[in-house]
């Protein structure tokens, strides 16, 4: 397993996300990151684990729910 530190640019490419999205994940979703000398650094193994944990907490993919006739959410 390659367990290296990645820069913000590298982690954005790795995850296919924008710089702003990754910053939001750090601030609002507790994405594992360390700020060293003003630059964010990410350990790939920690990010992979965070992604797995975050995605496993989601019960239904985005856009797959709808309200039934009584106003309740259903899959």
N, C-alpha and C. Protein backbone atom coordinates (compact mmCIF):
# COMPACT_ATOMS: atom_id res chain seq x y z
N UNK A 1 0.85 -1.18 0.00
CA UNK A 1 0.00 0.00 0.00
C UNK A 1 0.89 1.24 0.00
N UNK A 2 0.57 2.18 -0.85
CA UNK A 2 1.30 3.43 -0.93
C UNK A 2 0.70 4.40 0.06
N UNK A 3 1.44 4.70 1.14
CA UNK A 3 0.91 5.56 2.19
C UNK A 3 1.76 6.82 2.29
N UNK A 4 1.62 7.68 1.28
CA UNK A 4 2.42 8.89 1.27
C UNK A 4 1.57 10.10 1.60
N UNK A 5 2.23 11.21 1.83
CA UNK A 5 1.56 12.47 2.05
C UNK A 5 1.29 13.11 0.70
N UNK A 6 0.10 13.67 0.54
CA UNK A 6 -0.28 14.35 -0.70
C UNK A 6 -0.53 15.83 -0.41
N UNK A 7 -0.30 16.65 -1.42
CA UNK A 7 -0.62 18.08 -1.34
C UNK A 7 -2.10 18.27 -1.64
N UNK A 8 -2.57 19.50 -1.50
CA UNK A 8 -3.96 19.82 -1.82
C UNK A 8 -4.24 19.51 -3.29
N UNK A 9 -3.35 19.91 -4.17
CA UNK A 9 -3.55 19.65 -5.60
C UNK A 9 -3.63 18.16 -5.88
N UNK A 10 -2.74 17.37 -5.27
CA UNK A 10 -2.72 15.93 -5.49
C UNK A 10 -3.98 15.26 -4.96
N UNK A 11 -4.44 15.68 -3.76
CA UNK A 11 -5.62 15.04 -3.18
C UNK A 11 -6.87 15.40 -3.99
N UNK A 12 -6.91 16.62 -4.53
CA UNK A 12 -8.04 17.01 -5.38
C UNK A 12 -8.09 16.13 -6.62
N UNK A 13 -6.94 15.89 -7.23
CA UNK A 13 -6.88 15.01 -8.40
C UNK A 13 -7.23 13.58 -8.02
N UNK A 14 -6.71 13.12 -6.89
CA UNK A 14 -6.93 11.76 -6.41
C UNK A 14 -8.42 11.49 -6.18
N UNK A 15 -9.11 12.48 -5.59
CA UNK A 15 -10.53 12.32 -5.26
C UNK A 15 -11.46 12.82 -6.35
N UNK A 16 -10.92 13.54 -7.32
CA UNK A 16 -11.76 14.11 -8.36
C UNK A 16 -12.67 15.20 -7.83
N UNK A 17 -12.13 16.00 -6.92
CA UNK A 17 -12.90 17.07 -6.28
C UNK A 17 -12.17 18.39 -6.42
N UNK A 18 -12.91 19.47 -6.29
CA UNK A 18 -12.29 20.80 -6.38
C UNK A 18 -11.62 21.17 -5.06
N UNK A 19 -10.77 22.19 -5.13
CA UNK A 19 -10.08 22.72 -3.96
C UNK A 19 -11.10 23.17 -2.91
N UNK A 20 -12.14 23.88 -3.35
CA UNK A 20 -13.17 24.36 -2.43
C UNK A 20 -13.92 23.21 -1.76
N UNK A 21 -14.21 22.17 -2.51
CA UNK A 21 -14.91 21.01 -1.94
C UNK A 21 -14.06 20.34 -0.87
N UNK A 22 -12.79 20.14 -1.15
CA UNK A 22 -11.90 19.50 -0.17
C UNK A 22 -11.79 20.38 1.08
N UNK A 23 -11.68 21.69 0.91
CA UNK A 23 -11.64 22.59 2.07
C UNK A 23 -12.92 22.49 2.89
N UNK A 24 -14.05 22.39 2.22
CA UNK A 24 -15.32 22.22 2.94
C UNK A 24 -15.35 20.90 3.70
N UNK A 25 -14.85 19.83 3.08
CA UNK A 25 -14.81 18.53 3.75
C UNK A 25 -13.93 18.59 5.00
N UNK A 26 -12.82 19.31 4.91
CA UNK A 26 -11.94 19.46 6.07
C UNK A 26 -12.68 20.18 7.19
N UNK A 27 -13.33 21.29 6.84
CA UNK A 27 -13.99 22.13 7.85
C UNK A 27 -15.30 21.57 8.37
N UNK A 28 -16.09 20.92 7.51
CA UNK A 28 -17.44 20.52 7.90
C UNK A 28 -17.62 19.01 8.08
N UNK A 29 -16.77 18.21 7.48
CA UNK A 29 -16.95 16.76 7.50
C UNK A 29 -15.79 16.03 8.19
N UNK A 30 -14.90 16.77 8.82
CA UNK A 30 -13.77 16.19 9.55
C UNK A 30 -12.86 15.32 8.69
N UNK A 31 -12.63 15.75 7.45
CA UNK A 31 -11.68 15.04 6.59
C UNK A 31 -10.31 15.14 7.23
N UNK A 32 -9.57 14.03 7.33
CA UNK A 32 -8.25 14.06 7.97
C UNK A 32 -7.25 14.85 7.12
N UNK A 33 -6.66 15.87 7.74
CA UNK A 33 -5.68 16.71 7.06
C UNK A 33 -4.83 17.41 8.12
N UNK A 34 -3.62 17.78 7.71
CA UNK A 34 -2.70 18.48 8.59
C UNK A 34 -2.21 19.71 7.86
N UNK A 35 -2.19 20.84 8.54
CA UNK A 35 -1.68 22.06 7.93
C UNK A 35 -0.24 22.26 8.38
N UNK A 36 0.67 22.20 7.43
CA UNK A 36 2.09 22.36 7.71
C UNK A 36 2.61 23.57 6.95
N UNK A 37 3.08 24.56 7.68
CA UNK A 37 3.63 25.75 7.03
C UNK A 37 2.65 26.44 6.11
N UNK A 38 1.37 26.41 6.44
CA UNK A 38 0.37 27.06 5.62
C UNK A 38 -0.16 26.22 4.48
N UNK A 39 0.34 24.99 4.34
CA UNK A 39 -0.10 24.10 3.26
C UNK A 39 -0.79 22.87 3.85
N UNK A 40 -1.91 22.48 3.26
CA UNK A 40 -2.60 21.27 3.70
C UNK A 40 -1.89 20.04 3.16
N UNK A 41 -1.76 19.02 4.02
CA UNK A 41 -1.17 17.73 3.64
C UNK A 41 -2.13 16.63 4.06
N UNK A 42 -2.17 15.58 3.26
CA UNK A 42 -3.13 14.49 3.46
C UNK A 42 -2.41 13.15 3.37
N UNK A 43 -2.66 12.28 4.33
CA UNK A 43 -2.12 10.92 4.32
C UNK A 43 -3.12 10.05 3.55
N UNK A 44 -2.66 9.40 2.49
CA UNK A 44 -3.59 8.67 1.61
C UNK A 44 -4.38 7.60 2.35
N UNK A 45 -3.75 6.89 3.25
CA UNK A 45 -4.46 5.82 3.97
C UNK A 45 -5.58 6.39 4.84
N UNK A 46 -5.33 7.53 5.47
CA UNK A 46 -6.35 8.16 6.31
C UNK A 46 -7.51 8.69 5.47
N UNK A 47 -7.20 9.27 4.32
CA UNK A 47 -8.25 9.78 3.44
C UNK A 47 -9.08 8.64 2.89
N UNK A 48 -8.42 7.55 2.49
CA UNK A 48 -9.16 6.39 1.99
C UNK A 48 -10.10 5.83 3.05
N UNK A 49 -9.62 5.76 4.29
CA UNK A 49 -10.45 5.26 5.40
C UNK A 49 -11.62 6.21 5.65
N UNK A 50 -11.36 7.52 5.63
CA UNK A 50 -12.42 8.51 5.82
C UNK A 50 -13.48 8.42 4.73
N UNK A 51 -13.04 8.26 3.49
CA UNK A 51 -13.99 8.12 2.38
C UNK A 51 -14.86 6.88 2.59
N UNK A 52 -14.25 5.75 2.96
CA UNK A 52 -15.00 4.52 3.18
C UNK A 52 -16.01 4.68 4.31
N UNK A 53 -15.59 5.30 5.42
CA UNK A 53 -16.49 5.51 6.55
C UNK A 53 -17.62 6.45 6.19
N UNK A 54 -17.30 7.52 5.49
CA UNK A 54 -18.30 8.52 5.11
C UNK A 54 -19.32 7.92 4.16
N UNK A 55 -18.85 7.16 3.19
CA UNK A 55 -19.77 6.58 2.22
C UNK A 55 -20.61 5.46 2.83
N UNK A 56 -20.09 4.75 3.83
CA UNK A 56 -20.86 3.68 4.45
C UNK A 56 -21.96 4.22 5.35
N UNK A 57 -21.84 5.47 5.81
CA UNK A 57 -22.86 6.08 6.64
C UNK A 57 -24.07 6.52 5.83
N UNK A 58 -23.88 6.66 4.54
CA UNK A 58 -24.98 7.08 3.66
C UNK A 58 -25.80 5.86 3.30
N UNK A 59 -27.07 5.89 3.61
CA UNK A 59 -27.94 4.75 3.34
C UNK A 59 -28.43 4.73 1.91
N UNK A 60 -28.63 5.90 1.32
CA UNK A 60 -29.21 5.98 -0.01
C UNK A 60 -28.41 6.95 -0.84
N UNK A 61 -28.06 6.58 -2.06
CA UNK A 61 -27.34 7.52 -2.93
C UNK A 61 -28.15 8.78 -3.19
N UNK A 62 -27.45 9.88 -3.41
CA UNK A 62 -28.10 11.16 -3.68
C UNK A 62 -28.98 11.02 -4.92
N UNK A 63 -30.16 11.60 -4.85
CA UNK A 63 -31.06 11.59 -5.99
C UNK A 63 -31.90 10.33 -6.12
N UNK A 64 -31.78 9.39 -5.19
CA UNK A 64 -32.51 8.13 -5.30
C UNK A 64 -33.74 8.09 -4.41
N UNK A 65 -34.02 9.14 -3.63
CA UNK A 65 -35.21 9.17 -2.77
C UNK A 65 -36.28 10.03 -3.42
N UNK A 66 -37.51 9.70 -3.10
CA UNK A 66 -38.62 10.54 -3.54
C UNK A 66 -39.72 10.44 -2.49
N UNK A 67 -40.58 11.43 -2.50
CA UNK A 67 -41.70 11.43 -1.55
C UNK A 67 -42.86 10.65 -2.15
N UNK A 68 -43.51 9.85 -1.29
CA UNK A 68 -44.71 9.14 -1.75
C UNK A 68 -45.92 10.04 -1.55
N UNK A 69 -47.10 9.52 -1.81
CA UNK A 69 -48.34 10.31 -1.75
C UNK A 69 -48.60 10.90 -0.38
N UNK A 70 -48.12 10.23 0.68
CA UNK A 70 -48.35 10.74 2.04
C UNK A 70 -47.23 11.68 2.50
N UNK A 71 -46.27 11.97 1.61
CA UNK A 71 -45.21 12.90 1.94
C UNK A 71 -44.00 12.28 2.59
N UNK A 72 -43.99 10.95 2.75
CA UNK A 72 -42.86 10.25 3.34
C UNK A 72 -41.82 9.95 2.27
N UNK A 73 -40.55 9.93 2.70
CA UNK A 73 -39.45 9.62 1.77
C UNK A 73 -39.38 8.12 1.56
N UNK A 74 -39.19 7.72 0.32
CA UNK A 74 -39.03 6.30 0.01
C UNK A 74 -37.94 6.16 -1.06
N UNK A 75 -37.41 4.96 -1.13
CA UNK A 75 -36.35 4.67 -2.09
C UNK A 75 -36.91 4.32 -3.44
